[in-house]
PDB file of all heavy atoms in Angstrom:
ATOM      1  N   GLY A   1      -9.165  11.465   2.962  1.00  0.00           N
ATOM      2  CA  GLY A   1      -7.705  11.632   2.913  1.00  0.00           C
ATOM      3  C   GLY A   1      -6.958  10.854   4.002  1.00  0.00           C
ATOM      4  O   GLY A   1      -7.499   9.775   4.417  1.00  0.00           O
ATOM      5  N   LEU A   2      -5.858  11.359   4.394  1.00  0.00           N
ATOM      6  CA  LEU A   2      -5.090  10.659   5.438  1.00  0.00           C
ATOM      7  C   LEU A   2      -5.770  10.451   6.660  1.00  0.00           C
ATOM      8  O   LEU A   2      -5.583   9.478   7.489  1.00  0.00           O
ATOM      9  CB  LEU A   2      -3.727  11.374   5.694  1.00  0.00           C
ATOM     10  CG  LEU A   2      -2.813  11.467   4.582  1.00  0.00           C
ATOM     11  CD1 LEU A   2      -1.644  12.363   5.064  1.00  0.00           C
ATOM     12  CD2 LEU A   2      -2.337  10.193   4.141  1.00  0.00           C
ATOM     13  N   ARG A   3      -6.765  11.278   6.976  1.00  0.00           N
ATOM     14  CA  ARG A   3      -7.487  11.132   8.271  1.00  0.00           C
ATOM     15  C   ARG A   3      -8.336   9.828   8.278  1.00  0.00           C
ATOM     16  O   ARG A   3      -8.766   9.444   9.459  1.00  0.00           O
ATOM     17  CB  ARG A   3      -8.366  12.397   8.468  1.00  0.00           C
ATOM     18  CG  ARG A   3      -9.504  12.512   7.513  1.00  0.00           C
ATOM     19  CD  ARG A   3     -10.496  13.714   7.763  1.00  0.00           C
ATOM     20  NE  ARG A   3     -11.540  13.808   6.910  1.00  0.00           N
ATOM     21  CZ  ARG A   3     -11.533  14.368   5.706  1.00  0.00           C
ATOM     22  NH1 ARG A   3     -10.380  14.920   5.332  1.00  0.00           N
ATOM     23  NH2 ARG A   3     -12.544  14.373   4.946  1.00  0.00           N
ATOM     24  N   ASP A   4      -8.558   9.285   7.168  1.00  0.00           N
ATOM     25  CA  ASP A   4      -9.425   7.976   7.147  1.00  0.00           C
ATOM     26  C   ASP A   4      -8.531   6.855   7.386  1.00  0.00           C
ATOM     27  O   ASP A   4      -9.050   5.724   7.500  1.00  0.00           O
ATOM     28  CB  ASP A   4     -10.048   7.891   5.764  1.00  0.00           C
ATOM     29  CG  ASP A   4     -11.044   9.073   5.459  1.00  0.00           C
ATOM     30  OD1 ASP A   4     -11.955   9.299   6.309  1.00  0.00           O
ATOM     31  OD2 ASP A   4     -10.814   9.760   4.495  1.00  0.00           O
ATOM     32  N   LEU A   5      -7.301   6.897   7.391  1.00  0.00           N
ATOM     33  CA  LEU A   5      -6.352   5.850   7.510  1.00  0.00           C
ATOM     34  C   LEU A   5      -6.396   5.348   9.025  1.00  0.00           C
ATOM     35  O   LEU A   5      -6.510   6.140   9.911  1.00  0.00           O
ATOM     36  CB  LEU A   5      -4.930   6.099   7.089  1.00  0.00           C
ATOM     37  CG  LEU A   5      -4.709   6.469   5.624  1.00  0.00           C
ATOM     38  CD1 LEU A   5      -3.224   6.659   5.291  1.00  0.00           C
ATOM     39  CD2 LEU A   5      -5.320   5.428   4.664  1.00  0.00           C
ATOM     40  N   THR A   6      -6.225   3.964   9.158  1.00  0.00           N
ATOM     41  CA  THR A   6      -6.064   3.385  10.492  1.00  0.00           C
ATOM     42  C   THR A   6      -4.859   2.564  10.437  1.00  0.00           C
ATOM     43  O   THR A   6      -4.368   2.105   9.442  1.00  0.00           O
ATOM     44  CB  THR A   6      -7.227   2.548  10.841  1.00  0.00           C
ATOM     45  OG1 THR A   6      -7.279   1.417   9.966  1.00  0.00           O
ATOM     46  CG2 THR A   6      -8.555   3.368  10.734  1.00  0.00           C
ATOM     47  N   ARG A   7      -4.266   2.274  11.675  1.00  0.00           N
ATOM     48  CA  ARG A   7      -3.068   1.385  11.739  1.00  0.00           C
ATOM     49  C   ARG A   7      -3.368   0.036  11.142  1.00  0.00           C
ATOM     50  O   ARG A   7      -2.571  -0.587  10.439  1.00  0.00           O
ATOM     51  CB  ARG A   7      -2.576   1.372  13.195  1.00  0.00           C
ATOM     52  CG  ARG A   7      -1.408   0.501  13.347  1.00  0.00           C
ATOM     53  CD  ARG A   7      -0.965   0.208  14.785  1.00  0.00           C
ATOM     54  NE  ARG A   7       0.233  -0.531  14.918  1.00  0.00           N
ATOM     55  CZ  ARG A   7       0.285  -1.814  14.839  1.00  0.00           C
ATOM     56  NH1 ARG A   7      -0.833  -2.592  14.594  1.00  0.00           N
ATOM     57  NH2 ARG A   7       1.444  -2.426  14.925  1.00  0.00           N
ATOM     58  N   ASP A   8      -4.605  -0.434  11.568  1.00  0.00           N
ATOM     59  CA  ASP A   8      -4.888  -1.822  11.035  1.00  0.00           C
ATOM     60  C   ASP A   8      -4.992  -1.853   9.545  1.00  0.00           C
ATOM     61  O   ASP A   8      -4.512  -2.888   9.018  1.00  0.00           O
ATOM     62  CB  ASP A   8      -6.232  -2.286  11.738  1.00  0.00           C
ATOM     63  CG  ASP A   8      -6.110  -2.624  13.110  1.00  0.00           C
ATOM     64  OD1 ASP A   8      -5.025  -2.829  13.569  1.00  0.00           O
ATOM     65  OD2 ASP A   8      -7.207  -2.679  13.856  1.00  0.00           O
ATOM     66  N   ALA A   9      -5.441  -0.844   8.929  1.00  0.00           N
ATOM     67  CA  ALA A   9      -5.604  -0.828   7.480  1.00  0.00           C
ATOM     68  C   ALA A   9      -4.137  -0.789   6.830  1.00  0.00           C
ATOM     69  O   ALA A   9      -4.004  -1.394   5.801  1.00  0.00           O
ATOM     70  CB  ALA A   9      -6.404   0.371   6.966  1.00  0.00           C
ATOM     71  N   VAL A  10      -3.279  -0.012   7.423  1.00  0.00           N
ATOM     72  CA  VAL A  10      -1.947   0.123   6.875  1.00  0.00           C
ATOM     73  C   VAL A  10      -1.209  -1.245   7.012  1.00  0.00           C
ATOM     74  O   VAL A  10      -0.552  -1.729   6.048  1.00  0.00           O
ATOM     75  CB  VAL A  10      -1.084   1.182   7.613  1.00  0.00           C
ATOM     76  CG1 VAL A  10       0.338   1.224   7.104  1.00  0.00           C
ATOM     77  CG2 VAL A  10      -1.690   2.557   7.307  1.00  0.00           C
ATOM     78  N   ILE A  11      -1.335  -1.836   8.123  1.00  0.00           N
ATOM     79  CA  ILE A  11      -0.757  -3.175   8.363  1.00  0.00           C
ATOM     80  C   ILE A  11      -1.309  -4.197   7.425  1.00  0.00           C
ATOM     81  O   ILE A  11      -0.539  -4.991   6.791  1.00  0.00           O
ATOM     82  CB  ILE A  11      -0.919  -3.762   9.854  1.00  0.00           C
ATOM     83  CG1 ILE A  11      -0.191  -2.788  10.836  1.00  0.00           C
ATOM     84  CG2 ILE A  11      -0.528  -5.052  10.014  1.00  0.00           C
ATOM     85  CD1 ILE A  11       1.280  -2.815  10.669  1.00  0.00           C
ATOM     86  N   ALA A  12      -2.616  -4.160   7.198  1.00  0.00           N
ATOM     87  CA  ALA A  12      -3.309  -5.091   6.215  1.00  0.00           C
ATOM     88  C   ALA A  12      -2.823  -4.875   4.788  1.00  0.00           C
ATOM     89  O   ALA A  12      -2.565  -5.856   4.044  1.00  0.00           O
ATOM     90  CB  ALA A  12      -4.746  -4.988   6.306  1.00  0.00           C
ATOM     91  N   ALA A  13      -2.593  -3.597   4.491  1.00  0.00           N
ATOM     92  CA  ALA A  13      -2.063  -3.190   3.107  1.00  0.00           C
ATOM     93  C   ALA A  13      -0.643  -3.781   2.956  1.00  0.00           C
ATOM     94  O   ALA A  13      -0.310  -4.326   1.847  1.00  0.00           O
ATOM     95  CB  ALA A  13      -2.171  -1.719   2.849  1.00  0.00           C
ATOM     96  N   MET A  14       0.167  -3.636   3.952  1.00  0.00           N
ATOM     97  CA  MET A  14       1.491  -4.153   3.800  1.00  0.00           C
ATOM     98  C   MET A  14       1.562  -5.704   3.729  1.00  0.00           C
ATOM     99  O   MET A  14       2.444  -6.212   3.021  1.00  0.00           O
ATOM    100  CB  MET A  14       2.345  -3.725   5.051  1.00  0.00           C
ATOM    101  CG  MET A  14       2.551  -2.228   4.995  1.00  0.00           C
ATOM    102  SD  MET A  14       3.911  -1.628   6.254  1.00  0.00           S
ATOM    103  CE  MET A  14       3.068  -2.094   7.784  1.00  0.00           C
ATOM    104  N   ALA A  15       0.680  -6.338   4.496  1.00  0.00           N
ATOM    105  CA  ALA A  15       0.611  -7.755   4.416  1.00  0.00           C
ATOM    106  C   ALA A  15       0.241  -8.230   2.955  1.00  0.00           C
ATOM    107  O   ALA A  15       0.675  -9.200   2.428  1.00  0.00           O
ATOM    108  CB  ALA A  15      -0.349  -8.349   5.433  1.00  0.00           C
ATOM    109  N   GLU A  16      -0.805  -7.500   2.448  1.00  0.00           N
ATOM    110  CA  GLU A  16      -1.222  -7.865   1.084  1.00  0.00           C
ATOM    111  C   GLU A  16      -0.182  -7.566   0.077  1.00  0.00           C
ATOM    112  O   GLU A  16       0.045  -8.255  -0.964  1.00  0.00           O
ATOM    113  CB  GLU A  16      -2.551  -7.084   0.708  1.00  0.00           C
ATOM    114  CG  GLU A  16      -3.143  -7.466  -0.589  1.00  0.00           C
ATOM    115  CD  GLU A  16      -4.546  -6.800  -0.855  1.00  0.00           C
ATOM    116  OE1 GLU A  16      -4.821  -5.792  -0.074  1.00  0.00           O
ATOM    117  OE2 GLU A  16      -5.167  -7.101  -1.882  1.00  0.00           O
ATOM    118  N   HIS A  17       0.581  -6.487   0.301  1.00  0.00           N
ATOM    119  CA  HIS A  17       1.735  -6.121  -0.579  1.00  0.00           C
ATOM    120  C   HIS A  17       2.677  -7.303  -0.597  1.00  0.00           C
ATOM    121  O   HIS A  17       3.276  -7.682  -1.634  1.00  0.00           O
ATOM    122  CB  HIS A  17       2.388  -4.763  -0.053  1.00  0.00           C
ATOM    123  CG  HIS A  17       3.525  -4.243  -0.935  1.00  0.00           C
ATOM    124  ND1 HIS A  17       4.698  -4.943  -0.841  1.00  0.00           N
ATOM    125  CD2 HIS A  17       3.565  -3.329  -1.935  1.00  0.00           C
ATOM    126  CE1 HIS A  17       5.557  -4.361  -1.593  1.00  0.00           C
ATOM    127  NE2 HIS A  17       4.951  -3.423  -2.270  1.00  0.00           N
ATOM    128  N   ASP A  18       2.932  -7.851   0.616  1.00  0.00           N
ATOM    129  CA  ASP A  18       4.030  -8.956   0.651  1.00  0.00           C
ATOM    130  C   ASP A  18       3.458 -10.130  -0.177  1.00  0.00           C
ATOM    131  O   ASP A  18       4.204 -10.843  -0.840  1.00  0.00           O
ATOM    132  CB  ASP A  18       4.168  -9.371   2.132  1.00  0.00           C
ATOM    133  CG  ASP A  18       4.859  -8.329   2.913  1.00  0.00           C
ATOM    134  OD1 ASP A  18       5.648  -7.513   2.254  1.00  0.00           O
ATOM    135  OD2 ASP A  18       4.856  -8.401   4.159  1.00  0.00           O
ATOM    136  N   GLU A  19       2.148 -10.401  -0.106  1.00  0.00           N
ATOM    137  CA  GLU A  19       1.551 -11.580  -0.769  1.00  0.00           C
ATOM    138  C   GLU A  19       1.559 -11.267  -2.307  1.00  0.00           C
ATOM    139  O   GLU A  19       1.847 -12.348  -2.970  1.00  0.00           O
ATOM    140  CB  GLU A  19       0.167 -11.821  -0.161  1.00  0.00           C
ATOM    141  CG  GLU A  19      -0.433 -13.072  -0.711  1.00  0.00           C
ATOM    142  CD  GLU A  19      -1.787 -13.387  -0.109  1.00  0.00           C
ATOM    143  OE1 GLU A  19      -2.082 -12.802   1.013  1.00  0.00           O
ATOM    144  OE2 GLU A  19      -2.503 -14.327  -0.626  1.00  0.00           O
ATOM    145  N   LEU A  20       1.177 -10.182  -2.685  1.00  0.00           N
ATOM    146  CA  LEU A  20       0.979 -10.026  -4.230  1.00  0.00           C
ATOM    147  C   LEU A  20       2.274  -9.541  -4.776  1.00  0.00           C
ATOM    148  O   LEU A  20       2.486  -9.933  -5.994  1.00  0.00           O
ATOM    149  CB  LEU A  20      -0.110  -8.901  -4.411  1.00  0.00           C
ATOM    150  CG  LEU A  20      -1.507  -9.176  -3.893  1.00  0.00           C
ATOM    151  CD1 LEU A  20      -2.419  -7.993  -4.216  1.00  0.00           C
ATOM    152  CD2 LEU A  20      -2.062 -10.404  -4.631  1.00  0.00           C
ATOM    153  N   GLY A  21       3.115  -8.950  -4.162  1.00  0.00           N
ATOM    154  CA  GLY A  21       4.259  -8.185  -4.733  1.00  0.00           C
ATOM    155  C   GLY A  21       3.983  -6.906  -5.197  1.00  0.00           C
ATOM    156  O   GLY A  21       2.652  -6.582  -5.386  1.00  0.00           O
ATOM    157  N   GLN A  22       4.851  -5.965  -5.369  1.00  0.00           N
ATOM    158  CA  GLN A  22       4.610  -4.569  -5.571  1.00  0.00           C
ATOM    159  C   GLN A  22       3.869  -4.292  -6.900  1.00  0.00           C
ATOM    160  O   GLN A  22       2.857  -3.566  -6.833  1.00  0.00           O
ATOM    161  CB  GLN A  22       5.899  -3.626  -5.617  1.00  0.00           C
ATOM    162  CG  GLN A  22       5.628  -2.249  -5.850  1.00  0.00           C
ATOM    163  CD  GLN A  22       6.903  -1.378  -5.596  1.00  0.00           C
ATOM    164  OE1 GLN A  22       7.211  -1.262  -4.437  1.00  0.00           O
ATOM    165  NE2 GLN A  22       7.471  -0.942  -6.583  1.00  0.00           N
ATOM    166  N   ARG A  23       4.250  -5.064  -7.917  1.00  0.00           N
ATOM    167  CA  ARG A  23       3.685  -4.723  -9.277  1.00  0.00           C
ATOM    168  C   ARG A  23       2.127  -5.029  -9.240  1.00  0.00           C
ATOM    169  O   ARG A  23       1.354  -4.223  -9.635  1.00  0.00           O
ATOM    170  CB  ARG A  23       4.318  -5.522 -10.372  1.00  0.00           C
ATOM    171  CG  ARG A  23       3.688  -5.326 -11.797  1.00  0.00           C
ATOM    172  CD  ARG A  23       4.531  -6.114 -12.820  1.00  0.00           C
ATOM    173  NE  ARG A  23       5.891  -5.720 -12.851  1.00  0.00           N
ATOM    174  CZ  ARG A  23       6.927  -6.250 -13.631  1.00  0.00           C
ATOM    175  NH1 ARG A  23       6.494  -7.273 -14.466  1.00  0.00           N
ATOM    176  NH2 ARG A  23       8.069  -5.862 -13.664  1.00  0.00           N
ATOM    177  N   LYS A  24       1.773  -6.226  -8.694  1.00  0.00           N
ATOM    178  CA  LYS A  24       0.358  -6.626  -8.624  1.00  0.00           C
ATOM    179  C   LYS A  24      -0.459  -5.757  -7.747  1.00  0.00           C
ATOM    180  O   LYS A  24      -1.560  -5.416  -8.001  1.00  0.00           O
ATOM    181  CB  LYS A  24       0.185  -8.044  -8.321  1.00  0.00           C
ATOM    182  CG  LYS A  24       0.558  -9.103  -9.427  1.00  0.00           C
ATOM    183  CD  LYS A  24       0.429 -10.472  -8.967  1.00  0.00           C
ATOM    184  CE  LYS A  24       0.816 -11.433 -10.100  1.00  0.00           C
ATOM    185  NZ  LYS A  24       0.640 -12.884  -9.752  1.00  0.00           N
ATOM    186  N   PHE A  25       0.244  -5.375  -6.585  1.00  0.00           N
ATOM    187  CA  PHE A  25      -0.358  -4.554  -5.648  1.00  0.00           C
ATOM    188  C   PHE A  25      -0.685  -3.163  -6.205  1.00  0.00           C
ATOM    189  O   PHE A  25      -1.887  -2.686  -6.005  1.00  0.00           O
ATOM    190  CB  PHE A  25       0.502  -4.434  -4.421  1.00  0.00           C
ATOM    191  CG  PHE A  25      -0.150  -3.627  -3.225  1.00  0.00           C
ATOM    192  CD1 PHE A  25      -0.902  -4.369  -2.209  1.00  0.00           C
ATOM    193  CD2 PHE A  25       0.147  -2.297  -3.042  1.00  0.00           C
ATOM    194  CE1 PHE A  25      -1.487  -3.599  -1.280  1.00  0.00           C
ATOM    195  CE2 PHE A  25      -0.393  -1.578  -1.988  1.00  0.00           C
ATOM    196  CZ  PHE A  25      -1.260  -2.258  -1.090  1.00  0.00           C
ATOM    197  N   CYS A  26       0.236  -2.652  -6.914  1.00  0.00           N
ATOM    198  CA  CYS A  26       0.074  -1.288  -7.469  1.00  0.00           C
ATOM    199  C   CYS A  26      -0.990  -1.287  -8.558  1.00  0.00           C
ATOM    200  O   CYS A  26      -1.940  -0.364  -8.632  1.00  0.00           O
ATOM    201  CB  CYS A  26       1.372  -0.817  -8.047  1.00  0.00           C
ATOM    202  SG  CYS A  26       2.535  -0.312  -6.836  1.00  0.00           S
ATOM    203  N   ARG A  27      -1.114  -2.382  -9.267  1.00  0.00           N
ATOM    204  CA  ARG A  27      -2.096  -2.544 -10.277  1.00  0.00           C
ATOM    205  C   ARG A  27      -3.539  -2.594  -9.627  1.00  0.00           C
ATOM    206  O   ARG A  27      -4.455  -2.034 -10.107  1.00  0.00           O
ATOM    207  CB  ARG A  27      -1.814  -3.781 -11.158  1.00  0.00           C
ATOM    208  CG  ARG A  27      -2.710  -3.889 -12.397  1.00  0.00           C
ATOM    209  CD  ARG A  27      -2.443  -5.156 -13.191  1.00  0.00           C
ATOM    210  NE  ARG A  27      -1.007  -5.209 -13.524  1.00  0.00           N
ATOM    211  CZ  ARG A  27      -0.309  -6.291 -13.383  1.00  0.00           C
ATOM    212  NH1 ARG A  27      -0.726  -7.209 -12.655  1.00  0.00           N
ATOM    213  NH2 ARG A  27       0.974  -6.213 -13.653  1.00  0.00           N
ATOM    214  N   LYS A  28      -3.627  -3.392  -8.546  1.00  0.00           N
ATOM    215  CA  LYS A  28      -4.880  -3.554  -7.878  1.00  0.00           C
ATOM    216  C   LYS A  28      -5.489  -2.266  -7.445  1.00  0.00           C
ATOM    217  O   LYS A  28      -6.674  -1.985  -7.548  1.00  0.00           O
ATOM    218  CB  LYS A  28      -4.759  -4.524  -6.763  1.00  0.00           C
ATOM    219  CG  LYS A  28      -6.028  -4.806  -6.066  1.00  0.00           C
ATOM    220  CD  LYS A  28      -5.878  -5.829  -4.954  1.00  0.00           C
ATOM    221  CE  LYS A  28      -7.167  -6.053  -4.139  1.00  0.00           C
ATOM    222  NZ  LYS A  28      -7.092  -7.026  -3.131  1.00  0.00           N
ATOM    223  N   TYR A  29      -4.603  -1.431  -6.772  1.00  0.00           N
ATOM    224  CA  TYR A  29      -5.084  -0.162  -6.261  1.00  0.00           C
ATOM    225  C   TYR A  29      -4.763   1.058  -7.029  1.00  0.00           C
ATOM    226  O   TYR A  29      -4.932   2.138  -6.600  1.00  0.00           O
ATOM    227  CB  TYR A  29      -4.407   0.002  -4.859  1.00  0.00           C
ATOM    228  CG  TYR A  29      -4.960  -1.028  -3.887  1.00  0.00           C
ATOM    229  CD1 TYR A  29      -4.198  -2.132  -3.437  1.00  0.00           C
ATOM    230  CD2 TYR A  29      -6.246  -0.921  -3.371  1.00  0.00           C
ATOM    231  CE1 TYR A  29      -4.618  -3.036  -2.518  1.00  0.00           C
ATOM    232  CE2 TYR A  29      -6.759  -1.936  -2.460  1.00  0.00           C
ATOM    233  CZ  TYR A  29      -5.892  -3.009  -2.056  1.00  0.00           C
ATOM    234  OH  TYR A  29      -6.391  -3.878  -1.172  1.00  0.00           O
ATOM    235  N   ASP A  30      -4.388   0.821  -8.382  1.00  0.00           N
ATOM    236  CA  ASP A  30      -4.205   1.888  -9.370  1.00  0.00           C
ATOM    237  C   ASP A  30      -3.346   2.982  -8.760  1.00  0.00           C
ATOM    238  O   ASP A  30      -3.578   4.171  -8.772  1.00  0.00           O
ATOM    239  CB  ASP A  30      -5.547   2.531  -9.702  1.00  0.00           C
ATOM    240  CG  ASP A  30      -5.368   3.442 -10.940  1.00  0.00           C
ATOM    241  OD1 ASP A  30      -4.387   3.227 -11.690  1.00  0.00           O
ATOM    242  OD2 ASP A  30      -6.245   4.392 -11.128  1.00  0.00           O
ATOM    243  N   ALA A  31      -2.032   2.496  -8.297  1.00  0.00           N
ATOM    244  CA  ALA A  31      -1.186   3.493  -7.604  1.00  0.00           C
ATOM    245  C   ALA A  31       0.208   3.264  -8.212  1.00  0.00           C
ATOM    246  O   ALA A  31       0.557   2.146  -8.488  1.00  0.00           O
ATOM    247  CB  ALA A  31      -1.178   3.326  -6.075  1.00  0.00           C
ATOM    248  N   LYS A  32       0.914   4.375  -8.289  1.00  0.00           N
ATOM    249  CA  LYS A  32       2.296   4.276  -8.725  1.00  0.00           C
ATOM    250  C   LYS A  32       3.215   4.649  -7.646  1.00  0.00           C
ATOM    251  O   LYS A  32       2.971   5.565  -6.786  1.00  0.00           O
ATOM    252  CB  LYS A  32       2.564   5.278  -9.966  1.00  0.00           C
ATOM    253  CG  LYS A  32       1.811   4.853 -11.216  1.00  0.00           C
ATOM    254  CD  LYS A  32       2.129   5.856 -12.305  1.00  0.00           C
ATOM    255  CE  LYS A  32       1.403   5.472 -13.565  1.00  0.00           C
ATOM    256  NZ  LYS A  32       1.692   6.412 -14.718  1.00  0.00           N
ATOM    257  N   PRO A  33       4.368   3.969  -7.505  1.00  0.00           N
ATOM    258  CA  PRO A  33       5.366   4.330  -6.424  1.00  0.00           C
ATOM    259  C   PRO A  33       5.770   5.789  -6.523  1.00  0.00           C
ATOM    260  O   PRO A  33       6.078   6.269  -7.656  1.00  0.00           O
ATOM    261  CB  PRO A  33       6.589   3.396  -6.714  1.00  0.00           C
ATOM    262  CG  PRO A  33       5.976   2.258  -7.385  1.00  0.00           C
ATOM    263  CD  PRO A  33       4.860   2.814  -8.389  1.00  0.00           C
ATOM    264  N   SER A  34       5.812   6.497  -5.478  1.00  0.00           N
ATOM    265  CA  SER A  34       6.238   7.888  -5.406  1.00  0.00           C
ATOM    266  C   SER A  34       7.721   8.063  -5.281  1.00  0.00           C
ATOM    267  O   SER A  34       8.233   9.025  -5.786  1.00  0.00           O
ATOM    268  CB  SER A  34       5.527   8.623  -4.258  1.00  0.00           C
ATOM    269  OG  SER A  34       6.100   8.120  -3.064  1.00  0.00           O
ATOM    270  N   LYS A  35       8.354   7.095  -4.699  1.00  0.00           N
ATOM    271  CA  LYS A  35       9.808   7.117  -4.507  1.00  0.00           C
ATOM    272  C   LYS A  35      10.227   8.325  -3.627  1.00  0.00           C
ATOM    273  O   LYS A  35      11.442   8.761  -3.671  1.00  0.00           O
ATOM    274  CB  LYS A  35      10.593   7.170  -5.738  1.00  0.00           C
ATOM    275  CG  LYS A  35      10.324   5.964  -6.625  1.00  0.00           C
ATOM    276  CD  LYS A  35      11.159   6.002  -7.919  1.00  0.00           C
ATOM    277  CE  LYS A  35      10.760   4.762  -8.792  1.00  0.00           C
ATOM    278  NZ  LYS A  35      11.530   4.693 -10.037  1.00  0.00           N
ATOM    279  N   GLU A  36       9.351   8.990  -2.881  1.00  0.00           N
ATOM    280  CA  GLU A  36       9.608  10.104  -1.955  1.00  0.00           C
ATOM    281  C   GLU A  36       9.858   9.692  -0.581  1.00  0.00           C
ATOM    282  O   GLU A  36      10.656  10.139   0.109  1.00  0.00           O
ATOM    283  CB  GLU A  36       8.570  11.071  -2.067  1.00  0.00           C
ATOM    284  CG  GLU A  36       8.397  11.709  -3.443  1.00  0.00           C
ATOM    285  CD  GLU A  36       7.200  12.753  -3.465  1.00  0.00           C
ATOM    286  OE1 GLU A  36       6.488  12.928  -2.448  1.00  0.00           O
ATOM    287  OE2 GLU A  36       6.934  13.380  -4.494  1.00  0.00           O
ATOM    288  N   LEU A  37       9.012   8.663  -0.040  1.00  0.00           N
ATOM    289  CA  LEU A  37       9.037   8.267   1.260  1.00  0.00           C
ATOM    290  C   LEU A  37       8.815   6.728   1.252  1.00  0.00           C
ATOM    291  O   LEU A  37       8.176   6.146   0.321  1.00  0.00           O
ATOM    292  CB  LEU A  37       8.010   8.909   2.182  1.00  0.00           C
ATOM    293  CG  LEU A  37       8.226  10.179   2.754  1.00  0.00           C
ATOM    294  CD1 LEU A  37       7.006  10.577   3.647  1.00  0.00           C
ATOM    295  CD2 LEU A  37       9.415  10.211   3.638  1.00  0.00           C
ATOM    296  N   ALA A  38       9.460   6.016   2.197  1.00  0.00           N
ATOM    297  CA  ALA A  38       9.226   4.560   2.303  1.00  0.00           C
ATOM    298  C   ALA A  38       9.048   4.131   3.753  1.00  0.00           C
ATOM    299  O   ALA A  38       9.581   4.812   4.604  1.00  0.00           O
ATOM    300  CB  ALA A  38      10.495   3.887   1.734  1.00  0.00           C
ATOM    301  N   ILE A  39       8.170   3.286   3.932  1.00  0.00           N
ATOM    302  CA  ILE A  39       7.830   2.697   5.208  1.00  0.00           C
ATOM    303  C   ILE A  39       8.684   1.411   5.561  1.00  0.00           C
ATOM    304  O   ILE A  39       8.812   0.614   4.732  1.00  0.00           O
ATOM    305  CB  ILE A  39       6.340   2.287   5.323  1.00  0.00           C
ATOM    306  CG1 ILE A  39       5.480   3.443   5.104  1.00  0.00           C
ATOM    307  CG2 ILE A  39       6.082   1.683   6.788  1.00  0.00           C
ATOM    308  CD1 ILE A  39       4.017   3.061   4.954  1.00  0.00           C
TER     309      ILE A  39
END
């Protein structure tokens, strides 16, 4: 769960999000926007 996350992993995920765009990024990781919190 959340305990497995690291700062480097979150930063890397955001960088990949920038490169792919939200739609492709969500498709790659099988995730839907929650619209509850934003970084």
